[in-house]
Amino acid sequence: VVDTTVVVDADGLVSADVARAPLRRVQTPQGFERATLVAAYARAHGAAAEFTDDASVVRAAGVPVHTVAGDERAAKITVAHDLRLAELQL
């Protein structure tokens, strides 16, 4: 993670700095064996936890998740603004 990262309280005041060395940004797509992913989602069904990606579902099922190097150019398109930015790069 290149950007400075901090913890903020409910009022938006910075309460702590976060060491960047152990942090990683997570990109998609993410790869898992199909059986592992299906079992993890079945186990997570109805869970109160909020999952933000496949890796968080798999980790919640107790399966170790390993990382591989990503690429900053692999932009995730989630909202309309992301699509506009991607179109500008073409």
PDB file of N, CA and C in Angstrom:
ATOM      1  N   VAL A   1       0.858  -1.172   0.000  1.00  0.00           N
ATOM      2  CA  VAL A   1       0.000   0.000   0.000  1.00  0.00           C
ATOM      3  C   VAL A   1       0.899   1.229   0.000  1.00  0.00           C
ATOM      4  N   VAL A   2       0.694   2.095  -0.955  1.00  0.00           N
ATOM      5  CA  VAL A   2       1.530   3.286  -1.105  1.00  0.00           C
ATOM      6  C   VAL A   2       0.990   4.449  -0.280  1.00  0.00           C
ATOM      7  N   ASP A   3      -0.320   4.639  -0.277  1.00  0.00           N
ATOM      8  CA  ASP A   3      -0.918   5.766   0.436  1.00  0.00           C
ATOM      9  C   ASP A   3      -0.758   5.618   1.946  1.00  0.00           C
ATOM     10  N   THR A   4      -0.653   6.760   2.639  1.00  0.00           N
ATOM     11  CA  THR A   4      -0.691   6.741   4.091  1.00  0.00           C
ATOM     12  C   THR A   4      -2.055   6.230   4.508  1.00  0.00           C
ATOM     13  N   THR A   5      -2.075   5.358   5.496  1.00  0.00           N
ATOM     14  CA  THR A   5      -3.323   4.757   5.954  1.00  0.00           C
ATOM     15  C   THR A   5      -3.480   5.046   7.439  1.00  0.00           C
ATOM     16  N   VAL A   6      -4.674   5.468   7.836  1.00  0.00           N
ATOM     17  CA  VAL A   6      -4.929   5.811   9.233  1.00  0.00           C
ATOM     18  C   VAL A   6      -6.234   5.185   9.702  1.00  0.00           C
ATOM     19  N   VAL A   7      -6.402   5.156  11.017  1.00  0.00           N
ATOM     20  CA  VAL A   7      -7.658   4.746  11.640  1.00  0.00           C
ATOM     21  C   VAL A   7      -8.353   6.023  12.084  1.00  0.00           C
ATOM     22  N   VAL A   8      -9.662   6.125  11.829  1.00  0.00           N
ATOM     23  CA  VAL A   8     -10.418   7.298  12.261  1.00  0.00           C
ATOM     24  C   VAL A   8     -11.538   6.879  13.200  1.00  0.00           C
ATOM     25  N   ASP A   9     -11.938   7.810  14.066  1.00  0.00           N
ATOM     26  CA  ASP A   9     -13.049   7.532  14.972  1.00  0.00           C
ATOM     27  C   ASP A   9     -14.372   7.919  14.312  1.00  0.00           C
ATOM     28  N   ALA A  10     -15.465   7.809  15.050  1.00  0.00           N
ATOM     29  CA  ALA A  10     -16.800   8.076  14.508  1.00  0.00           C
ATOM     30  C   ALA A  10     -16.958   9.519  14.031  1.00  0.00           C
ATOM     31  N   ASP A  11     -16.135  10.428  14.566  1.00  0.00           N
ATOM     32  CA  ASP A  11     -16.208  11.832  14.172  1.00  0.00           C
ATOM     33  C   ASP A  11     -15.272  12.169  13.016  1.00  0.00           C
ATOM     34  N   GLY A  12     -14.555  11.164  12.511  1.00  0.00           N
ATOM     35  CA  GLY A  12     -13.634  11.394  11.412  1.00  0.00           C
ATOM     36  C   GLY A  12     -12.267  11.891  11.838  1.00  0.00           C
ATOM     37  N   LEU A  13     -11.998  11.879  13.147  1.00  0.00           N
ATOM     38  CA  LEU A  13     -10.694  12.316  13.639  1.00  0.00           C
ATOM     39  C   LEU A  13      -9.708  11.155  13.586  1.00  0.00           C
ATOM     40  N   VAL A  14      -8.498  11.440  13.150  1.00  0.00           N
ATOM     41  CA  VAL A  14      -7.469  10.401  13.080  1.00  0.00           C
ATOM     42  C   VAL A  14      -7.111   9.971  14.495  1.00  0.00           C
ATOM     43  N   SER A  15      -7.193   8.660  14.739  1.00  0.00           N
ATOM     44  CA  SER A  15      -6.871   8.137  16.063  1.00  0.00           C
ATOM     45  C   SER A  15      -5.602   7.298  16.073  1.00  0.00           C
ATOM     46  N   ALA A  16      -5.147   6.846  14.904  1.00  0.00           N
ATOM     47  CA  ALA A  16      -3.921   6.049  14.851  1.00  0.00           C
ATOM     48  C   ALA A  16      -3.413   5.952  13.421  1.00  0.00           C
ATOM     49  N   ASP A  17      -2.099   5.796  13.309  1.00  0.00           N
ATOM     50  CA  ASP A  17      -1.486   5.502  12.017  1.00  0.00           C
ATOM     51  C   ASP A  17      -1.420   3.990  11.869  1.00  0.00           C
ATOM     52  N   VAL A  18      -1.402   3.520  10.633  1.00  0.00           N
ATOM     53  CA  VAL A  18      -1.336   2.086  10.361  1.00  0.00           C
ATOM     54  C   VAL A  18      -0.035   1.806   9.614  1.00  0.00           C
ATOM     55  N   ALA A  19       0.721   0.833  10.098  1.00  0.00           N
ATOM     56  CA  ALA A  19       1.949   0.440   9.406  1.00  0.00           C
ATOM     57  C   ALA A  19       1.581  -0.153   8.049  1.00  0.00           C
ATOM     58  N   ARG A  20       2.234   0.306   6.999  1.00  0.00           N
ATOM     59  CA  ARG A  20       1.896  -0.142   5.647  1.00  0.00           C
ATOM     60  C   ARG A  20       2.565  -1.453   5.246  1.00  0.00           C
ATOM     61  N   ALA A  21       3.673  -1.791   5.859  1.00  0.00           N
ATOM     62  CA  ALA A  21       4.455  -2.953   5.417  1.00  0.00           C
ATOM     63  C   ALA A  21       3.637  -4.243   5.291  1.00  0.00           C
ATOM     64  N   PRO A  22       2.765  -4.570   6.257  1.00  0.00           N
ATOM     65  CA  PRO A  22       2.027  -5.834   6.123  1.00  0.00           C
ATOM     66  C   PRO A  22       0.735  -5.723   5.308  1.00  0.00           C
ATOM     67  N   LEU A  23       0.409  -4.540   4.815  1.00  0.00           N
ATOM     68  CA  LEU A  23      -0.852  -4.340   4.104  1.00  0.00           C
ATOM     69  C   LEU A  23      -0.712  -4.601   2.612  1.00  0.00           C
ATOM     70  N   ARG A  24      -1.784  -5.107   2.019  1.00  0.00           N
ATOM     71  CA  ARG A  24      -1.848  -5.314   0.574  1.00  0.00           C
ATOM     72  C   ARG A  24      -3.229  -4.899   0.091  1.00  0.00           C
ATOM     73  N   ARG A  25      -3.293  -4.292  -1.095  1.00  0.00           N
ATOM     74  CA  ARG A  25      -4.577  -4.056  -1.760  1.00  0.00           C
ATOM     75  C   ARG A  25      -4.945  -5.350  -2.454  1.00  0.00           C
ATOM     76  N   VAL A  26      -6.201  -5.695  -2.416  1.00  0.00           N
ATOM     77  CA  VAL A  26      -6.654  -6.951  -3.008  1.00  0.00           C
ATOM     78  C   VAL A  26      -7.381  -6.652  -4.306  1.00  0.00           C
ATOM     79  N   GLN A  27      -7.006  -7.369  -5.347  1.00  0.00           N
ATOM     80  CA  GLN A  27      -7.611  -7.164  -6.657  1.00  0.00           C
ATOM     81  C   GLN A  27      -8.463  -8.363  -7.050  1.00  0.00           C
ATOM     82  N   THR A  28      -9.257  -8.169  -8.064  1.00  0.00           N
ATOM     83  CA  THR A  28     -10.016  -9.262  -8.649  1.00  0.00           C
ATOM     84  C   THR A  28      -9.592  -9.378 -10.106  1.00  0.00           C
ATOM     85  N   PRO A  29      -9.735 -10.505 -10.739  1.00  0.00           N
ATOM     86  CA  PRO A  29     -10.386 -11.704 -10.218  1.00  0.00           C
ATOM     87  C   PRO A  29      -9.493 -12.439  -9.222  1.00  0.00           C
ATOM     88  N   GLN A  30     -10.138 -13.284  -8.435  1.00  0.00           N
ATOM     89  CA  GLN A  30      -9.448 -14.121  -7.465  1.00  0.00           C
ATOM     90  C   GLN A  30      -9.686 -15.570  -7.858  1.00  0.00           C
ATOM     91  N   GLY A  31      -8.692 -16.407  -7.672  1.00  0.00           N
ATOM     92  CA  GLY A  31      -8.819 -17.792  -8.125  1.00  0.00           C
ATOM     93  C   GLY A  31      -8.860 -18.789  -6.985  1.00  0.00           C
ATOM     94  N   PHE A  32      -9.818 -19.701  -7.064  1.00  0.00           N
ATOM     95  CA  PHE A  32      -9.960 -20.775  -6.082  1.00  0.00           C
ATOM     96  C   PHE A  32     -10.425 -22.021  -6.798  1.00  0.00           C
ATOM     97  N   GLU A  33     -10.148 -23.172  -6.205  1.00  0.00           N
ATOM     98  CA  GLU A  33     -10.731 -24.400  -6.733  1.00  0.00           C
ATOM     99  C   GLU A  33     -12.240 -24.283  -6.560  1.00  0.00           C
ATOM    100  N   ARG A  34     -12.982 -24.720  -7.551  1.00  0.00           N
ATOM    101  CA  ARG A  34     -14.444 -24.568  -7.540  1.00  0.00           C
ATOM    102  C   ARG A  34     -15.065 -25.170  -6.288  1.00  0.00           C
ATOM    103  N   ALA A  35     -14.661 -26.376  -5.920  1.00  0.00           N
ATOM    104  CA  ALA A  35     -15.243 -27.052  -4.755  1.00  0.00           C
ATOM    105  C   ALA A  35     -15.009 -26.248  -3.477  1.00  0.00           C
ATOM    106  N   THR A  36     -13.834 -25.653  -3.354  1.00  0.00           N
ATOM    107  CA  THR A  36     -13.518 -24.834  -2.180  1.00  0.00           C
ATOM    108  C   THR A  36     -14.428 -23.622  -2.120  1.00  0.00           C
ATOM    109  N   LEU A  37     -14.601 -22.960  -3.256  1.00  0.00           N
ATOM    110  CA  LEU A  37     -15.422 -21.752  -3.305  1.00  0.00           C
ATOM    111  C   LEU A  37     -16.897 -22.063  -3.043  1.00  0.00           C
ATOM    112  N   VAL A  38     -17.409 -23.124  -3.658  1.00  0.00           N
ATOM    113  CA  VAL A  38     -18.815 -23.509  -3.460  1.00  0.00           C
ATOM    114  C   VAL A  38     -19.060 -23.855  -1.994  1.00  0.00           C
ATOM    115  N   ALA A  39     -18.156 -24.623  -1.385  1.00  0.00           N
ATOM    116  CA  ALA A  39     -18.318 -25.009   0.021  1.00  0.00           C
ATOM    117  C   ALA A  39     -18.255 -23.789   0.934  1.00  0.00           C
ATOM    118  N   ALA A  40     -17.363 -22.853   0.633  1.00  0.00           N
ATOM    119  CA  ALA A  40     -17.239 -21.652   1.456  1.00  0.00           C
ATOM    120  C   ALA A  40     -18.502 -20.801   1.386  1.00  0.00           C
ATOM    121  N   TYR A  41     -19.059 -20.632   0.190  1.00  0.00           N
ATOM    122  CA  TYR A  41     -20.297 -19.852   0.058  1.00  0.00           C
ATOM    123  C   TYR A  41     -21.473 -20.563   0.722  1.00  0.00           C
ATOM    124  N   ALA A  42     -21.524 -21.878   0.646  1.00  0.00           N
ATOM    125  CA  ALA A  42     -22.599 -22.622   1.310  1.00  0.00           C
ATOM    126  C   ALA A  42     -22.517 -22.425   2.815  1.00  0.00           C
ATOM    127  N   ARG A  43     -21.308 -22.446   3.344  1.00  0.00           N
ATOM    128  CA  ARG A  43     -21.112 -22.261   4.780  1.00  0.00           C
ATOM    129  C   ARG A  43     -21.451 -20.830   5.199  1.00  0.00           C
ATOM    130  N   ALA A  44     -21.180 -19.866   4.330  1.00  0.00           N
ATOM    131  CA  ALA A  44     -21.407 -18.458   4.651  1.00  0.00           C
ATOM    132  C   ALA A  44     -22.864 -18.039   4.498  1.00  0.00           C
ATOM    133  N   HIS A  45     -23.662 -18.841   3.795  1.00  0.00           N
ATOM    134  CA  HIS A  45     -25.062 -18.478   3.538  1.00  0.00           C
ATOM    135  C   HIS A  45     -25.786 -18.203   4.855  1.00  0.00           C
ATOM    136  N   GLY A  46     -26.360 -17.022   4.979  1.00  0.00           N
ATOM    137  CA  GLY A  46     -27.095 -16.645   6.178  1.00  0.00           C
ATOM    138  C   GLY A  46     -26.217 -16.095   7.289  1.00  0.00           C
ATOM    139  N   ALA A  47     -24.913 -16.027   7.067  1.00  0.00           N
ATOM    140  CA  ALA A  47     -24.011 -15.497   8.089  1.00  0.00           C
ATOM    141  C   ALA A  47     -24.226 -13.998   8.246  1.00  0.00           C
ATOM    142  N   ALA A  48     -24.017 -13.517   9.457  1.00  0.00           N
ATOM    143  CA  ALA A  48     -24.194 -12.097   9.738  1.00  0.00           C
ATOM    144  C   ALA A  48     -23.011 -11.267   9.238  1.00  0.00           C
ATOM    145  N   ALA A  49     -21.907 -11.913   8.939  1.00  0.00           N
ATOM    146  CA  ALA A  49     -20.709 -11.196   8.494  1.00  0.00           C
ATOM    147  C   ALA A  49     -20.927 -10.579   7.117  1.00  0.00           C
ATOM    148  N   GLU A  50     -20.205  -9.504   6.855  1.00  0.00           N
ATOM    149  CA  GLU A  50     -20.250  -8.872   5.536  1.00  0.00           C
ATOM    150  C   GLU A  50     -18.987  -9.253   4.781  1.00  0.00           C
ATOM    151  N   PHE A  51     -19.160  -9.872   3.634  1.00  0.00           N
ATOM    152  CA  PHE A  51     -18.031 -10.302   2.825  1.00  0.00           C
ATOM    153  C   PHE A  51     -17.872  -9.348   1.649  1.00  0.00           C
ATOM    154  N   THR A  52     -16.637  -8.946   1.382  1.00  0.00           N
ATOM    155  CA  THR A  52     -16.397  -7.989   0.305  1.00  0.00           C
ATOM    156  C   THR A  52     -15.842  -8.627  -0.963  1.00  0.00           C
ATOM    157  N   ASP A  53     -15.437  -9.886  -0.869  1.00  0.00           N
ATOM    158  CA  ASP A  53     -14.912 -10.580  -2.045  1.00  0.00           C
ATOM    159  C   ASP A  53     -14.883 -12.077  -1.768  1.00  0.00           C
ATOM    160  N   ASP A  54     -14.539 -12.848  -2.793  1.00  0.00           N
ATOM    161  CA  ASP A  54     -14.474 -14.303  -2.631  1.00  0.00           C
ATOM    162  C   ASP A  54     -13.457 -14.704  -1.572  1.00  0.00           C
ATOM    163  N   ALA A  55     -12.330 -14.011  -1.510  1.00  0.00           N
ATOM    164  CA  ALA A  55     -11.290 -14.365  -0.549  1.00  0.00           C
ATOM    165  C   ALA A  55     -11.785 -14.239   0.887  1.00  0.00           C
ATOM    166  N   SER A  56     -12.598 -13.241   1.183  1.00  0.00           N
ATOM    167  CA  SER A  56     -13.098 -13.093   2.552  1.00  0.00           C
ATOM    168  C   SER A  56     -14.063 -14.216   2.907  1.00  0.00           C
ATOM    169  N   VAL A  57     -14.815 -14.704   1.933  1.00  0.00           N
ATOM    170  CA  VAL A  57     -15.719 -15.837   2.161  1.00  0.00           C
ATOM    171  C   VAL A  57     -14.902 -17.097   2.432  1.00  0.00           C
ATOM    172  N   VAL A  58     -13.880 -17.321   1.627  1.00  0.00           N
ATOM    173  CA  VAL A  58     -13.041 -18.512   1.784  1.00  0.00           C
ATOM    174  C   VAL A  58     -12.294 -18.470   3.116  1.00  0.00           C
ATOM    175  N   ARG A  59     -11.749 -17.309   3.486  1.00  0.00           N
ATOM    176  CA  ARG A  59     -11.055 -17.186   4.780  1.00  0.00           C
ATOM    177  C   ARG A  59     -12.001 -17.449   5.935  1.00  0.00           C
ATOM    178  N   ALA A  60     -13.235 -16.955   5.844  1.00  0.00           N
ATOM    179  CA  ALA A  60     -14.216 -17.177   6.910  1.00  0.00           C
ATOM    180  C   ALA A  60     -14.527 -18.660   7.076  1.00  0.00           C
ATOM    181  N   ALA A  61     -14.343 -19.428   6.014  1.00  0.00           N
ATOM    182  CA  ALA A  61     -14.560 -20.875   6.073  1.00  0.00           C
ATOM    183  C   ALA A  61     -13.342 -21.596   6.637  1.00  0.00           C
ATOM    184  N   GLY A  62     -12.315 -20.842   7.005  1.00  0.00           N
ATOM    185  CA  GLY A  62     -11.135 -21.440   7.611  1.00  0.00           C
ATOM    186  C   GLY A  62     -10.075 -21.913   6.633  1.00  0.00           C
ATOM    187  N   VAL A  63     -10.211 -21.519   5.378  1.00  0.00           N
ATOM    188  CA  VAL A  63      -9.250 -21.938   4.353  1.00  0.00           C
ATOM    189  C   VAL A  63      -8.184 -20.849   4.204  1.00  0.00           C
ATOM    190  N   PRO A  64      -6.893 -21.212   4.291  1.00  0.00           N
ATOM    191  CA  PRO A  64      -5.842 -20.211   4.101  1.00  0.00           C
ATOM    192  C   PRO A  64      -5.894 -19.636   2.682  1.00  0.00           C
ATOM    193  N   VAL A  65      -5.669 -18.339   2.573  1.00  0.00           N
ATOM    194  CA  VAL A  65      -5.671 -17.660   1.277  1.00  0.00           C
ATOM    195  C   VAL A  65      -4.285 -17.066   1.054  1.00  0.00           C
ATOM    196  N   HIS A  66      -3.668 -17.417  -0.057  1.00  0.00           N
ATOM    197  CA  HIS A  66      -2.341 -16.909  -0.406  1.00  0.00           C
ATOM    198  C   HIS A  66      -2.483 -15.779  -1.421  1.00  0.00           C
ATOM    199  N   THR A  67      -1.496 -14.901  -1.443  1.00  0.00           N
ATOM    200  CA  THR A  67      -1.523 -13.790  -2.393  1.00  0.00           C
ATOM    201  C   THR A  67      -0.497 -13.995  -3.502  1.00  0.00           C
ATOM    202  N   VAL A  68      -0.735 -13.332  -4.599  1.00  0.00           N
ATOM    203  CA  VAL A  68       0.223 -13.257  -5.702  1.00  0.00           C
ATOM    204  C   VAL A  68       0.346 -11.788  -6.088  1.00  0.00           C
ATOM    205  N   ALA A  69       1.413 -11.447  -6.752  1.00  0.00           N
ATOM    206  CA  ALA A  69       1.613 -10.056  -7.163  1.00  0.00           C
ATOM    207  C   ALA A  69       0.518  -9.637  -8.138  1.00  0.00           C
ATOM    208  N   GLY A  70       0.043  -8.412  -7.976  1.00  0.00           N
ATOM    209  CA  GLY A  70      -0.979  -7.872  -8.869  1.00  0.00           C
ATOM    210  C   GLY A  70      -0.381  -6.829  -9.792  1.00  0.00           C
ATOM    211  N   ASP A  71      -1.237  -6.048 -10.403  1.00  0.00           N
ATOM    212  CA  ASP A  71      -0.811  -5.013 -11.333  1.00  0.00           C
ATOM    213  C   ASP A  71      -1.740  -3.817 -11.172  1.00  0.00           C
ATOM    214  N   GLU A  72      -1.161  -2.654 -10.945  1.00  0.00           N
ATOM    215  CA  GLU A  72      -1.952  -1.436 -10.760  1.00  0.00           C
ATOM    216  C   GLU A  72      -2.867  -1.153 -11.945  1.00  0.00           C
ATOM    217  N   ARG A  73      -2.504  -1.647 -13.127  1.00  0.00           N
ATOM    218  CA  ARG A  73      -3.324  -1.395 -14.312  1.00  0.00           C
ATOM    219  C   ARG A  73      -4.591  -2.236 -14.330  1.00  0.00           C
ATOM    220  N   ALA A  74      -4.691  -3.212 -13.463  1.00  0.00           N
ATOM    221  CA  ALA A  74      -5.870  -4.083 -13.418  1.00  0.00           C
ATOM    222  C   ALA A  74      -6.942  -3.411 -12.563  1.00  0.00           C
ATOM    223  N   ALA A  75      -7.552  -2.389 -13.094  1.00  0.00           N
ATOM    224  CA  ALA A  75      -8.537  -1.598 -12.354  1.00  0.00           C
ATOM    225  C   ALA A  75      -9.856  -2.357 -12.219  1.00  0.00           C
ATOM    226  N   LYS A  76     -10.419  -2.287 -11.027  1.00  0.00           N
ATOM    227  CA  LYS A  76     -11.713  -2.909 -10.769  1.00  0.00           C
ATOM    228  C   LYS A  76     -12.814  -1.940 -11.199  1.00  0.00           C
ATOM    229  N   ILE A  77     -13.780  -2.435 -11.934  1.00  0.00           N
ATOM    230  CA  ILE A  77     -14.898  -1.596 -12.367  1.00  0.00           C
ATOM    231  C   ILE A  77     -16.123  -2.001 -11.563  1.00  0.00           C
ATOM    232  N   THR A  78     -16.483  -1.131 -10.607  1.00  0.00           N
ATOM    233  CA  THR A  78     -17.594  -1.410  -9.704  1.00  0.00           C
ATOM    234  C   THR A  78     -18.742  -0.433  -9.907  1.00  0.00           C
ATOM    235  N   VAL A  79     -18.402   0.826 -10.109  1.00  0.00           N
ATOM    236  CA  VAL A  79     -19.421   1.869 -10.276  1.00  0.00           C
ATOM    237  C   VAL A  79     -19.181   2.591 -11.602  1.00  0.00           C
ATOM    238  N   ALA A  80     -20.139   3.395 -12.015  1.00  0.00           N
ATOM    239  CA  ALA A  80     -20.067   4.076 -13.310  1.00  0.00           C
ATOM    240  C   ALA A  80     -18.794   4.906 -13.458  1.00  0.00           C
ATOM    241  N   HIS A  81     -18.368   5.553 -12.396  1.00  0.00           N
ATOM    242  CA  HIS A  81     -17.151   6.371 -12.446  1.00  0.00           C
ATOM    243  C   HIS A  81     -15.933   5.516 -12.811  1.00  0.00           C
ATOM    244  N   ASP A  82     -15.862   4.296 -12.279  1.00  0.00           N
ATOM    245  CA  ASP A  82     -14.757   3.388 -12.610  1.00  0.00           C
ATOM    246  C   ASP A  82     -14.734   3.092 -14.107  1.00  0.00           C
ATOM    247  N   LEU A  83     -15.890   2.899 -14.690  1.00  0.00           N
ATOM    248  CA  LEU A  83     -15.974   2.610 -16.121  1.00  0.00           C
ATOM    249  C   LEU A  83     -15.488   3.803 -16.939  1.00  0.00           C
ATOM    250  N   ARG A  84     -15.875   4.997 -16.533  1.00  0.00           N
ATOM    251  CA  ARG A  84     -15.429   6.199 -17.245  1.00  0.00           C
ATOM    252  C   ARG A  84     -13.902   6.329 -17.192  1.00  0.00           C
ATOM    253  N   LEU A  85     -13.312   6.055 -16.036  1.00  0.00           N
ATOM    254  CA  LEU A  85     -11.851   6.118 -15.918  1.00  0.00           C
ATOM    255  C   LEU A  85     -11.180   5.081 -16.818  1.00  0.00           C
ATOM    256  N   ALA A  86     -11.739   3.888 -16.869  1.00  0.00           N
ATOM    257  CA  ALA A  86     -11.179   2.833 -17.722  1.00  0.00           C
ATOM    258  C   ALA A  86     -11.271   3.223 -19.194  1.00  0.00           C
ATOM    259  N   GLU A  87     -12.380   3.819 -19.584  1.00  0.00           N
ATOM    260  CA  GLU A  87     -12.554   4.240 -20.978  1.00  0.00           C
ATOM    261  C   GLU A  87     -11.529   5.303 -21.364  1.00  0.00           C
ATOM    262  N   LEU A  88     -11.174   6.171 -20.428  1.00  0.00           N
ATOM    263  CA  LEU A  88     -10.182   7.211 -20.701  1.00  0.00           C
ATOM    264  C   LEU A  88      -8.797   6.618 -20.946  1.00  0.00           C
ATOM    265  N   GLN A  89      -8.542   5.453 -20.393  1.00  0.00           N
ATOM    266  CA  GLN A  89      -7.231   4.818 -20.546  1.00  0.00           C
ATOM    267  C   GLN A  89      -7.105   4.042 -21.846  1.00  0.00           C
ATOM    268  N   LEU A  90      -8.216   3.815 -22.532  1.00  0.00           N
ATOM    269  CA  LEU A  90      -8.164   3.043 -23.777  1.00  0.00           C
ATOM    270  C   LEU A  90      -7.626   3.857 -24.931  1.00  0.00           C
TER     271      LEU A  90
END
